[in-house]
Amino acid sequence: MSITAQAVKELRAATGAGMMDAKEALQEADGDVEKAVELLRKKGQKIAAKKADRATGEGVVGMYLHSNGKIAAMVKVTCETDFVARTDDFKQFANDLAMQAAAMNPEYLNPEAVPEDVKNKEREIYKEEMKDSGKPADVVDKIVEGKLEKFYTQVCLMKQPFIKDDKLSIEKHLTETIAQLGENIQVTEFIRYSL
């Protein structure tokens, strides 16, 4: 199947992928754009996994100040080189995360940052909810862990749905940005202020 330049251009605009990557994905997907997007996402996850161990000594602080002046957030995002840190895409990613932190008010960066006593308290609440369900203990444990994962999507920045595209979590958005920019990127901390 021949792939048109227009199809490649549209896929690149939608995903930020390189020209050859977009063309290869469209060829593999027999011209189906949605399938090509999915293929690029999977490829991006593999790329991100390969880059995860590389040092990130450069970066930027993304900032957001709400129009009423009463909510602000800053997010520290690191990458491998100053070259990438100065790109518009990287800065936009950092600023989007700051806007996410301002809008969604997460309490923690990721599940690892949630204190054990908070996790245990949530587990106890969920177990209490399931106490009279009549379900076997192993099923209850799986339900409790599922509810804990849902809890993380509310209180952890990296697990939240991205406010600009709720089909993506911040974690997946990070993976796609790593694939697009070709460097290891880490979100290391954030702070939110409000009046």
N, C-alpha and C. Protein backbone atom coordinates (compact mmCIF):
# COMPACT_ATOMS: atom_id res chain seq x y z
N MET A 1 0.84 -1.18 0.00
CA MET A 1 0.00 0.00 0.00
C MET A 1 0.89 1.24 0.00
N SER A 2 0.55 2.21 -0.84
CA SER A 2 1.35 3.44 -0.87
C SER A 2 0.81 4.42 0.16
N ILE A 3 1.72 5.02 0.88
CA ILE A 3 1.37 5.97 1.94
C ILE A 3 1.60 7.38 1.40
N THR A 4 0.59 8.23 1.52
CA THR A 4 0.70 9.59 1.00
C THR A 4 1.47 10.48 1.97
N ALA A 5 2.07 11.51 1.42
CA ALA A 5 2.80 12.49 2.24
C ALA A 5 1.84 13.18 3.20
N GLN A 6 0.60 13.40 2.77
CA GLN A 6 -0.40 14.05 3.62
C GLN A 6 -0.72 13.19 4.85
N ALA A 7 -0.83 11.87 4.66
CA ALA A 7 -1.11 10.96 5.77
C ALA A 7 0.04 10.98 6.78
N VAL A 8 1.27 10.99 6.26
CA VAL A 8 2.45 11.05 7.13
C VAL A 8 2.45 12.36 7.91
N LYS A 9 2.15 13.45 7.21
CA LYS A 9 2.11 14.78 7.85
C LYS A 9 1.07 14.82 8.97
N GLU A 10 -0.11 14.28 8.71
CA GLU A 10 -1.18 14.26 9.72
C GLU A 10 -0.78 13.43 10.94
N LEU A 11 -0.16 12.27 10.70
CA LEU A 11 0.26 11.42 11.80
C LEU A 11 1.35 12.10 12.62
N ARG A 12 2.27 12.76 11.94
CA ARG A 12 3.33 13.50 12.65
C ARG A 12 2.74 14.61 13.50
N ALA A 13 1.76 15.31 12.96
CA ALA A 13 1.13 16.40 13.71
C ALA A 13 0.40 15.87 14.93
N ALA A 14 -0.21 14.71 14.81
CA ALA A 14 -0.98 14.13 15.91
C ALA A 14 -0.09 13.54 17.00
N THR A 15 1.10 13.05 16.62
CA THR A 15 1.91 12.31 17.59
C THR A 15 3.27 12.94 17.89
N GLY A 16 3.75 13.82 17.01
CA GLY A 16 5.08 14.37 17.19
C GLY A 16 6.18 13.42 16.78
N ALA A 17 5.83 12.32 16.11
CA ALA A 17 6.81 11.32 15.69
C ALA A 17 7.63 11.86 14.53
N GLY A 18 8.80 11.28 14.33
CA GLY A 18 9.64 11.63 13.19
C GLY A 18 9.02 11.15 11.89
N MET A 19 9.49 11.72 10.78
CA MET A 19 8.90 11.40 9.48
C MET A 19 9.01 9.91 9.15
N MET A 20 10.18 9.34 9.32
CA MET A 20 10.36 7.92 8.97
C MET A 20 9.57 7.01 9.92
N ASP A 21 9.53 7.36 11.19
CA ASP A 21 8.75 6.57 12.15
C ASP A 21 7.27 6.60 11.77
N ALA A 22 6.77 7.77 11.41
CA ALA A 22 5.36 7.91 11.02
C ALA A 22 5.07 7.09 9.77
N LYS A 23 5.96 7.17 8.79
CA LYS A 23 5.76 6.43 7.54
C LYS A 23 5.77 4.92 7.79
N GLU A 24 6.73 4.46 8.60
CA GLU A 24 6.81 3.03 8.90
C GLU A 24 5.57 2.55 9.66
N ALA A 25 5.10 3.36 10.60
CA ALA A 25 3.91 2.99 11.36
C ALA A 25 2.68 2.90 10.46
N LEU A 26 2.54 3.85 9.55
CA LEU A 26 1.41 3.81 8.60
C LEU A 26 1.50 2.59 7.68
N GLN A 27 2.70 2.26 7.24
CA GLN A 27 2.86 1.07 6.39
C GLN A 27 2.50 -0.19 7.16
N GLU A 28 2.97 -0.29 8.38
CA GLU A 28 2.68 -1.46 9.22
C GLU A 28 1.18 -1.57 9.53
N ALA A 29 0.51 -0.40 9.62
CA ALA A 29 -0.91 -0.37 9.95
C ALA A 29 -1.79 -0.36 8.70
N ASP A 30 -1.20 -0.58 7.53
CA ASP A 30 -1.93 -0.57 6.26
C ASP A 30 -2.73 0.71 6.06
N GLY A 31 -2.14 1.83 6.45
CA GLY A 31 -2.76 3.13 6.25
C GLY A 31 -3.77 3.55 7.30
N ASP A 32 -4.04 2.68 8.28
CA ASP A 32 -5.01 2.99 9.35
C ASP A 32 -4.32 3.91 10.38
N VAL A 33 -4.77 5.17 10.43
CA VAL A 33 -4.12 6.17 11.27
C VAL A 33 -4.23 5.82 12.75
N GLU A 34 -5.41 5.38 13.20
CA GLU A 34 -5.58 5.04 14.62
C GLU A 34 -4.65 3.90 15.03
N LYS A 35 -4.54 2.90 14.18
CA LYS A 35 -3.65 1.77 14.47
C LYS A 35 -2.19 2.25 14.46
N ALA A 36 -1.86 3.17 13.55
CA ALA A 36 -0.50 3.71 13.49
C ALA A 36 -0.16 4.49 14.76
N VAL A 37 -1.13 5.26 15.28
CA VAL A 37 -0.92 5.99 16.53
C VAL A 37 -0.61 5.00 17.65
N GLU A 38 -1.38 3.91 17.73
CA GLU A 38 -1.16 2.89 18.76
C GLU A 38 0.22 2.25 18.62
N LEU A 39 0.62 1.96 17.38
CA LEU A 39 1.95 1.38 17.15
C LEU A 39 3.05 2.34 17.61
N LEU A 40 2.88 3.63 17.32
CA LEU A 40 3.88 4.62 17.76
C LEU A 40 3.92 4.72 19.28
N ARG A 41 2.76 4.62 19.92
CA ARG A 41 2.75 4.66 21.40
C ARG A 41 3.51 3.48 21.98
N LYS A 42 3.29 2.29 21.41
CA LYS A 42 4.00 1.10 21.90
C LYS A 42 5.50 1.25 21.69
N LYS A 43 5.87 1.77 20.52
CA LYS A 43 7.29 1.99 20.23
C LYS A 43 7.86 3.00 21.22
N GLY A 44 7.09 4.03 21.54
CA GLY A 44 7.52 5.04 22.50
C GLY A 44 7.78 4.46 23.88
N GLN A 45 6.95 3.50 24.30
CA GLN A 45 7.14 2.87 25.60
C GLN A 45 8.46 2.09 25.63
N LYS A 46 8.78 1.43 24.52
CA LYS A 46 10.04 0.68 24.45
C LYS A 46 11.23 1.63 24.49
N ILE A 47 11.11 2.74 23.77
CA ILE A 47 12.19 3.73 23.75
C ILE A 47 12.39 4.31 25.15
N ALA A 48 11.29 4.64 25.82
CA ALA A 48 11.38 5.21 27.17
C ALA A 48 12.04 4.23 28.13
N ALA A 49 11.70 2.96 28.02
CA ALA A 49 12.29 1.94 28.91
C ALA A 49 13.80 1.85 28.70
N LYS A 50 14.25 1.96 27.45
CA LYS A 50 15.69 1.89 27.16
C LYS A 50 16.43 3.09 27.73
N LYS A 51 15.79 4.24 27.80
CA LYS A 51 16.45 5.47 28.22
C LYS A 51 16.34 5.72 29.73
N ALA A 52 15.58 4.90 30.44
CA ALA A 52 15.26 5.16 31.84
C ALA A 52 16.46 5.26 32.76
N ASP A 53 17.57 4.60 32.43
CA ASP A 53 18.72 4.60 33.32
C ASP A 53 19.71 5.74 33.06
N ARG A 54 19.47 6.53 32.03
CA ARG A 54 20.40 7.59 31.68
C ARG A 54 20.24 8.79 32.61
N ALA A 55 21.36 9.42 32.94
CA ALA A 55 21.37 10.55 33.89
C ALA A 55 20.66 11.78 33.32
N THR A 56 19.96 12.48 34.19
CA THR A 56 19.23 13.68 33.79
C THR A 56 19.73 14.86 34.61
N GLY A 57 20.72 15.58 34.09
CA GLY A 57 21.32 16.68 34.84
C GLY A 57 20.89 18.06 34.38
N GLU A 58 20.10 18.13 33.32
CA GLU A 58 19.61 19.41 32.80
C GLU A 58 18.10 19.45 32.97
N GLY A 59 17.49 20.56 32.61
CA GLY A 59 16.04 20.62 32.69
C GLY A 59 15.52 22.04 32.86
N VAL A 60 14.24 22.12 33.23
CA VAL A 60 13.59 23.41 33.46
C VAL A 60 12.59 23.27 34.60
N VAL A 61 12.16 24.42 35.08
CA VAL A 61 11.06 24.47 36.03
C VAL A 61 9.86 25.00 35.26
N GLY A 62 8.85 24.16 35.09
CA GLY A 62 7.62 24.60 34.44
C GLY A 62 6.78 25.38 35.43
N MET A 63 6.15 26.46 34.95
CA MET A 63 5.38 27.30 35.86
C MET A 63 4.00 27.60 35.28
N TYR A 64 3.05 27.74 36.19
CA TYR A 64 1.70 28.13 35.79
C TYR A 64 1.13 29.04 36.88
N LEU A 65 0.56 30.16 36.46
CA LEU A 65 -0.14 31.08 37.35
C LEU A 65 -1.53 31.27 36.78
N HIS A 66 -2.54 30.92 37.57
CA HIS A 66 -3.92 31.04 37.10
C HIS A 66 -4.28 32.51 36.90
N SER A 67 -5.21 32.78 35.99
CA SER A 67 -5.55 34.15 35.62
C SER A 67 -6.05 35.00 36.79
N ASN A 68 -6.63 34.36 37.81
CA ASN A 68 -7.10 35.13 38.96
C ASN A 68 -5.98 35.42 39.97
N GLY A 69 -4.79 34.90 39.71
CA GLY A 69 -3.65 35.15 40.58
C GLY A 69 -3.71 34.43 41.91
N LYS A 70 -4.63 33.48 42.08
CA LYS A 70 -4.80 32.82 43.38
C LYS A 70 -4.30 31.38 43.41
N ILE A 71 -3.91 30.85 42.26
CA ILE A 71 -3.39 29.48 42.20
C ILE A 71 -2.14 29.51 41.31
N ALA A 72 -1.08 28.89 41.80
CA ALA A 72 0.16 28.79 41.03
C ALA A 72 0.78 27.42 41.29
N ALA A 73 1.54 26.94 40.32
CA ALA A 73 2.25 25.67 40.50
C ALA A 73 3.57 25.72 39.75
N MET A 74 4.55 24.98 40.27
CA MET A 74 5.84 24.81 39.61
C MET A 74 6.18 23.33 39.62
N VAL A 75 6.76 22.88 38.52
CA VAL A 75 7.15 21.47 38.38
C VAL A 75 8.59 21.43 37.86
N LYS A 76 9.42 20.65 38.53
CA LYS A 76 10.82 20.48 38.10
C LYS A 76 10.89 19.25 37.19
N VAL A 77 11.33 19.49 35.94
CA VAL A 77 11.43 18.42 34.95
C VAL A 77 12.87 18.39 34.45
N THR A 78 13.51 17.23 34.52
CA THR A 78 14.90 17.11 34.11
C THR A 78 15.03 16.26 32.86
N CYS A 79 16.12 16.51 32.12
CA CYS A 79 16.44 15.74 30.92
C CYS A 79 17.96 15.56 30.85
N GLU A 80 18.43 14.95 29.77
CA GLU A 80 19.85 14.64 29.68
C GLU A 80 20.71 15.82 29.22
N THR A 81 20.21 16.63 28.29
CA THR A 81 21.05 17.68 27.71
C THR A 81 20.36 19.04 27.75
N ASP A 82 21.19 20.07 27.75
CA ASP A 82 20.69 21.43 27.70
C ASP A 82 19.99 21.69 26.36
N PHE A 83 20.45 21.02 25.31
CA PHE A 83 19.84 21.17 23.99
C PHE A 83 18.35 20.85 24.04
N VAL A 84 17.99 19.72 24.63
CA VAL A 84 16.59 19.33 24.74
C VAL A 84 15.85 20.25 25.72
N ALA A 85 16.51 20.61 26.82
CA ALA A 85 15.88 21.47 27.82
C ALA A 85 15.44 22.81 27.23
N ARG A 86 16.14 23.27 26.20
CA ARG A 86 15.81 24.56 25.59
C ARG A 86 14.77 24.45 24.48
N THR A 87 14.34 23.25 24.13
CA THR A 87 13.35 23.14 23.04
C THR A 87 11.97 23.57 23.52
N ASP A 88 11.19 24.07 22.58
CA ASP A 88 9.83 24.51 22.89
C ASP A 88 8.97 23.34 23.37
N ASP A 89 9.17 22.15 22.77
CA ASP A 89 8.36 20.98 23.17
C ASP A 89 8.61 20.60 24.62
N PHE A 90 9.88 20.65 25.03
CA PHE A 90 10.21 20.30 26.42
C PHE A 90 9.63 21.33 27.39
N LYS A 91 9.80 22.60 27.06
CA LYS A 91 9.26 23.65 27.92
C LYS A 91 7.74 23.57 28.01
N GLN A 92 7.10 23.27 26.87
CA GLN A 92 5.64 23.14 26.86
C GLN A 92 5.21 21.97 27.75
N PHE A 93 5.94 20.86 27.68
CA PHE A 93 5.65 19.70 28.53
C PHE A 93 5.72 20.10 30.00
N ALA A 94 6.79 20.79 30.39
CA ALA A 94 6.96 21.20 31.78
C ALA A 94 5.84 22.15 32.21
N ASN A 95 5.50 23.10 31.35
CA ASN A 95 4.43 24.05 31.70
C ASN A 95 3.06 23.37 31.75
N ASP A 96 2.84 22.39 30.88
CA ASP A 96 1.58 21.61 30.93
C ASP A 96 1.47 20.87 32.27
N LEU A 97 2.58 20.34 32.75
CA LEU A 97 2.55 19.63 34.04
C LEU A 97 2.27 20.60 35.18
N ALA A 98 2.81 21.81 35.08
CA ALA A 98 2.53 22.81 36.11
C ALA A 98 1.04 23.18 36.10
N MET A 99 0.47 23.32 34.90
CA MET A 99 -0.96 23.61 34.81
C MET A 99 -1.77 22.44 35.37
N GLN A 100 -1.34 21.22 35.11
CA GLN A 100 -1.99 20.03 35.64
C GLN A 100 -1.97 20.07 37.17
N ALA A 101 -0.83 20.38 37.75
CA ALA A 101 -0.71 20.43 39.21
C ALA A 101 -1.61 21.53 39.79
N ALA A 102 -1.69 22.66 39.10
CA ALA A 102 -2.54 23.75 39.57
C ALA A 102 -4.01 23.36 39.49
N ALA A 103 -4.41 22.74 38.38
CA ALA A 103 -5.82 22.42 38.16
C ALA A 103 -6.30 21.23 38.99
N MET A 104 -5.49 20.20 39.11
CA MET A 104 -5.94 18.95 39.71
C MET A 104 -5.52 18.76 41.17
N ASN A 105 -4.65 19.62 41.67
CA ASN A 105 -4.25 19.62 43.07
C ASN A 105 -3.82 18.24 43.60
N PRO A 106 -2.84 17.61 42.94
CA PRO A 106 -2.36 16.32 43.46
C PRO A 106 -1.63 16.51 44.79
N GLU A 107 -1.65 15.48 45.60
CA GLU A 107 -0.95 15.54 46.89
C GLU A 107 0.46 14.97 46.81
N TYR A 108 0.66 14.03 45.88
CA TYR A 108 1.94 13.32 45.78
C TYR A 108 2.38 13.27 44.33
N LEU A 109 3.67 13.07 44.11
CA LEU A 109 4.21 12.97 42.76
C LEU A 109 3.80 11.65 42.10
N ASN A 110 3.97 10.54 42.82
CA ASN A 110 3.68 9.21 42.29
C ASN A 110 3.33 8.28 43.45
N PRO A 111 2.88 7.05 43.16
CA PRO A 111 2.49 6.13 44.25
C PRO A 111 3.62 5.85 45.24
N GLU A 112 4.85 5.87 44.76
CA GLU A 112 5.98 5.63 45.65
C GLU A 112 6.11 6.72 46.72
N ALA A 113 5.62 7.91 46.41
CA ALA A 113 5.72 9.04 47.35
C ALA A 113 4.59 9.04 48.39
N VAL A 114 3.58 8.19 48.20
CA VAL A 114 2.48 8.13 49.16
C VAL A 114 2.97 7.39 50.40
N PRO A 115 2.87 7.99 51.58
CA PRO A 115 3.35 7.32 52.80
C PRO A 115 2.60 6.00 53.05
N GLU A 116 3.30 5.05 53.62
CA GLU A 116 2.71 3.73 53.88
C GLU A 116 1.48 3.82 54.78
N ASP A 117 1.49 4.72 55.77
CA ASP A 117 0.33 4.82 56.65
C ASP A 117 -0.92 5.29 55.89
N VAL A 118 -0.74 6.15 54.88
CA VAL A 118 -1.87 6.60 54.06
C VAL A 118 -2.39 5.43 53.22
N LYS A 119 -1.46 4.67 52.62
CA LYS A 119 -1.87 3.50 51.82
C LYS A 119 -2.62 2.50 52.69
N ASN A 120 -2.08 2.24 53.89
CA ASN A 120 -2.72 1.26 54.78
C ASN A 120 -4.10 1.74 55.23
N LYS A 121 -4.24 3.02 55.50
CA LYS A 121 -5.54 3.58 55.89
C LYS A 121 -6.56 3.40 54.76
N GLU A 122 -6.14 3.68 53.53
CA GLU A 122 -7.03 3.50 52.37
C GLU A 122 -7.42 2.03 52.22
N ARG A 123 -6.44 1.14 52.36
CA ARG A 123 -6.74 -0.30 52.26
C ARG A 123 -7.78 -0.71 53.30
N GLU A 124 -7.61 -0.22 54.54
CA GLU A 124 -8.56 -0.56 55.61
C GLU A 124 -9.97 -0.07 55.28
N ILE A 125 -10.07 1.15 54.74
CA ILE A 125 -11.38 1.69 54.35
C ILE A 125 -12.01 0.81 53.29
N TYR A 126 -11.23 0.43 52.28
CA TYR A 126 -11.77 -0.40 51.19
C TYR A 126 -12.15 -1.79 51.69
N LYS A 127 -11.34 -2.34 52.59
CA LYS A 127 -11.67 -3.66 53.15
C LYS A 127 -12.96 -3.59 53.96
N GLU A 128 -13.13 -2.52 54.71
CA GLU A 128 -14.35 -2.33 55.50
C GLU A 128 -15.58 -2.24 54.59
N GLU A 129 -15.42 -1.55 53.45
CA GLU A 129 -16.51 -1.44 52.47
C GLU A 129 -16.90 -2.82 51.94
N MET A 130 -15.92 -3.70 51.79
CA MET A 130 -16.15 -5.02 51.18
C MET A 130 -16.47 -6.09 52.21
N LYS A 131 -16.48 -5.75 53.50
CA LYS A 131 -16.62 -6.72 54.58
C LYS A 131 -17.86 -7.61 54.43
N ASP A 132 -18.98 -7.03 54.10
CA ASP A 132 -20.23 -7.80 54.02
C ASP A 132 -20.59 -8.20 52.59
N SER A 133 -19.62 -8.18 51.70
CA SER A 133 -19.90 -8.49 50.29
C SER A 133 -20.06 -9.99 50.03
N GLY A 134 -19.53 -10.82 50.93
CA GLY A 134 -19.61 -12.27 50.74
C GLY A 134 -18.61 -12.80 49.73
N LYS A 135 -17.72 -11.98 49.29
CA LYS A 135 -16.72 -12.41 48.30
C LYS A 135 -15.54 -13.06 49.01
N PRO A 136 -14.86 -14.00 48.33
CA PRO A 136 -13.67 -14.64 48.92
C PRO A 136 -12.57 -13.61 49.20
N ALA A 137 -11.72 -13.92 50.15
CA ALA A 137 -10.67 -12.99 50.60
C ALA A 137 -9.74 -12.59 49.45
N ASP A 138 -9.38 -13.55 48.57
CA ASP A 138 -8.46 -13.20 47.48
C ASP A 138 -9.11 -12.24 46.49
N VAL A 139 -10.43 -12.38 46.28
CA VAL A 139 -11.16 -11.46 45.39
C VAL A 139 -11.23 -10.08 46.05
N VAL A 140 -11.50 -10.06 47.35
CA VAL A 140 -11.56 -8.79 48.08
C VAL A 140 -10.21 -8.07 47.99
N ASP A 141 -9.11 -8.83 48.13
CA ASP A 141 -7.77 -8.23 48.05
C ASP A 141 -7.53 -7.60 46.68
N LYS A 142 -7.98 -8.29 45.62
CA LYS A 142 -7.82 -7.73 44.27
C LYS A 142 -8.66 -6.48 44.10
N ILE A 143 -9.86 -6.47 44.62
CA ILE A 143 -10.73 -5.29 44.54
C ILE A 143 -10.11 -4.13 45.31
N VAL A 144 -9.57 -4.43 46.49
CA VAL A 144 -8.94 -3.39 47.31
C VAL A 144 -7.75 -2.78 46.56
N GLU A 145 -6.93 -3.61 45.94
CA GLU A 145 -5.78 -3.09 45.19
C GLU A 145 -6.24 -2.28 43.98
N GLY A 146 -7.34 -2.69 43.35
CA GLY A 146 -7.91 -1.92 42.24
C GLY A 146 -8.39 -0.55 42.70
N LYS A 147 -9.03 -0.52 43.87
CA LYS A 147 -9.49 0.76 44.43
C LYS A 147 -8.30 1.64 44.82
N LEU A 148 -7.23 1.02 45.28
CA LEU A 148 -6.04 1.78 45.63
C LEU A 148 -5.43 2.42 44.37
N GLU A 149 -5.43 1.68 43.26
CA GLU A 149 -4.95 2.23 41.98
C GLU A 149 -5.81 3.42 41.56
N LYS A 150 -7.12 3.33 41.76
CA LYS A 150 -8.03 4.44 41.44
C LYS A 150 -7.71 5.64 42.34
N PHE A 151 -7.42 5.37 43.61
CA PHE A 151 -7.03 6.42 44.55
C PHE A 151 -5.79 7.16 44.04
N TYR A 152 -4.81 6.40 43.50
CA TYR A 152 -3.60 7.02 42.97
C TYR A 152 -3.91 7.97 41.82
N THR A 153 -4.91 7.64 41.00
CA THR A 153 -5.25 8.52 39.87
C THR A 153 -5.83 9.85 40.34
N GLN A 154 -6.24 9.90 41.59
CA GLN A 154 -6.78 11.14 42.14
C GLN A 154 -5.71 11.96 42.86
N VAL A 155 -4.79 11.29 43.55
CA VAL A 155 -3.86 12.01 44.42
C VAL A 155 -2.41 12.07 43.93
N CYS A 156 -2.06 11.32 42.89
CA CYS A 156 -0.69 11.29 42.38
C CYS A 156 -0.61 11.96 41.02
N LEU A 157 0.22 12.98 40.90
CA LEU A 157 0.35 13.72 39.66
C LEU A 157 0.61 12.81 38.47
N MET A 158 1.54 11.88 38.60
CA MET A 158 1.93 11.04 37.47
C MET A 158 0.84 10.06 37.03
N LYS A 159 -0.10 9.76 37.90
CA LYS A 159 -1.17 8.81 37.57
C LYS A 159 -2.45 9.51 37.09
N GLN A 160 -2.53 10.83 37.25
CA GLN A 160 -3.75 11.55 36.89
C GLN A 160 -3.97 11.56 35.38
N PRO A 161 -5.24 11.61 34.94
CA PRO A 161 -5.51 11.83 33.51
C PRO A 161 -5.03 13.22 33.13
N PHE A 162 -4.39 13.33 31.99
CA PHE A 162 -3.87 14.60 31.50
C PHE A 162 -5.04 15.52 31.16
N ILE A 163 -5.04 16.75 31.67
CA ILE A 163 -6.19 17.64 31.48
C ILE A 163 -6.40 18.06 30.02
N LYS A 164 -5.36 17.97 29.20
CA LYS A 164 -5.52 18.32 27.78
C LYS A 164 -5.92 17.13 26.93
N ASP A 165 -5.81 15.91 27.46
CA ASP A 165 -6.20 14.70 26.74
C ASP A 165 -6.44 13.61 27.78
N ASP A 166 -7.69 13.47 28.23
CA ASP A 166 -7.98 12.57 29.34
C ASP A 166 -7.83 11.09 28.99
N LYS A 167 -7.52 10.77 27.73
CA LYS A 167 -7.23 9.38 27.38
C LYS A 167 -5.80 9.00 27.79
N LEU A 168 -4.98 10.02 28.09
CA LEU A 168 -3.59 9.82 28.50
C LEU A 168 -3.43 10.12 29.98
N SER A 169 -2.66 9.31 30.67
CA SER A 169 -2.23 9.69 32.02
C SER A 169 -0.98 10.55 31.86
N ILE A 170 -0.62 11.25 32.90
CA ILE A 170 0.62 12.04 32.85
C ILE A 170 1.80 11.11 32.61
N GLU A 171 1.76 9.93 33.21
CA GLU A 171 2.80 8.93 33.03
C GLU A 171 2.97 8.56 31.55
N LYS A 172 1.85 8.32 30.86
CA LYS A 172 1.92 7.97 29.44
C LYS A 172 2.34 9.17 28.60
N HIS A 173 1.89 10.36 29.00
CA HIS A 173 2.31 11.58 28.30
C HIS A 173 3.82 11.75 28.41
N LEU A 174 4.38 11.45 29.58
CA LEU A 174 5.83 11.49 29.78
C LEU A 174 6.52 10.50 28.85
N THR A 175 6.00 9.28 28.77
CA THR A 175 6.58 8.26 27.90
C THR A 175 6.60 8.72 26.45
N GLU A 176 5.49 9.31 26.00
CA GLU A 176 5.43 9.80 24.62
C GLU A 176 6.41 10.95 24.39
N THR A 177 6.58 11.79 25.39
CA THR A 177 7.51 12.91 25.26
C THR A 177 8.94 12.40 25.20
N ILE A 178 9.26 11.37 25.97
CA ILE A 178 10.59 10.76 25.92
C ILE A 178 10.85 10.21 24.52
N ALA A 179 9.87 9.53 23.95
CA ALA A 179 10.02 8.96 22.60
C ALA A 179 10.18 10.07 21.57
N GLN A 180 9.42 11.14 21.73
CA GLN A 180 9.46 12.25 20.78
C GLN A 180 10.79 12.99 20.83
N LEU A 181 11.27 13.28 22.04
CA LEU A 181 12.48 14.09 22.18
C LEU A 181 13.77 13.26 22.21
N GLY A 182 13.64 11.95 22.43
CA GLY A 182 14.79 11.06 22.34
C GLY A 182 15.73 11.09 23.52
N GLU A 183 15.26 11.56 24.67
CA GLU A 183 16.10 11.58 25.88
C GLU A 183 15.30 11.10 27.07
N ASN A 184 16.02 10.66 28.09
CA ASN A 184 15.37 10.33 29.35
C ASN A 184 14.89 11.63 29.98
N ILE A 185 13.65 11.64 30.43
CA ILE A 185 13.06 12.80 31.08
C ILE A 185 12.46 12.34 32.40
N GLN A 186 12.69 13.11 33.44
CA GLN A 186 12.16 12.78 34.77
C GLN A 186 11.39 13.96 35.33
N VAL A 187 10.24 13.69 35.92
CA VAL A 187 9.52 14.70 36.68
C VAL A 187 9.94 14.46 38.12
N THR A 188 10.66 15.41 38.71
CA THR A 188 11.28 15.13 40.01
C THR A 188 10.55 15.71 41.20
N GLU A 189 9.86 16.84 41.02
CA GLU A 189 9.09 17.40 42.13
C GLU A 189 8.15 18.47 41.63
N PHE A 190 7.17 18.79 42.48
CA PHE A 190 6.24 19.87 42.16
C PHE A 190 5.79 20.53 43.45
N ILE A 191 5.28 21.76 43.28
CA ILE A 191 4.71 22.48 44.42
C ILE A 191 3.54 23.29 43.89
N ARG A 192 2.50 23.40 44.71
CA ARG A 192 1.30 24.14 44.32
C ARG A 192 0.97 25.13 45.44
N TYR A 193 0.64 26.34 45.05
CA TYR A 193 0.24 27.37 46.00
C TYR A 193 -1.18 27.80 45.68
N SER A 194 -1.95 28.10 46.73
CA SER A 194 -3.29 28.66 46.50
C SER A 194 -3.68 29.55 47.67
N LEU A 195 -4.53 30.51 47.37
CA LEU A 195 -5.06 31.40 48.41
C LEU A 195 -6.47 30.98 48.74
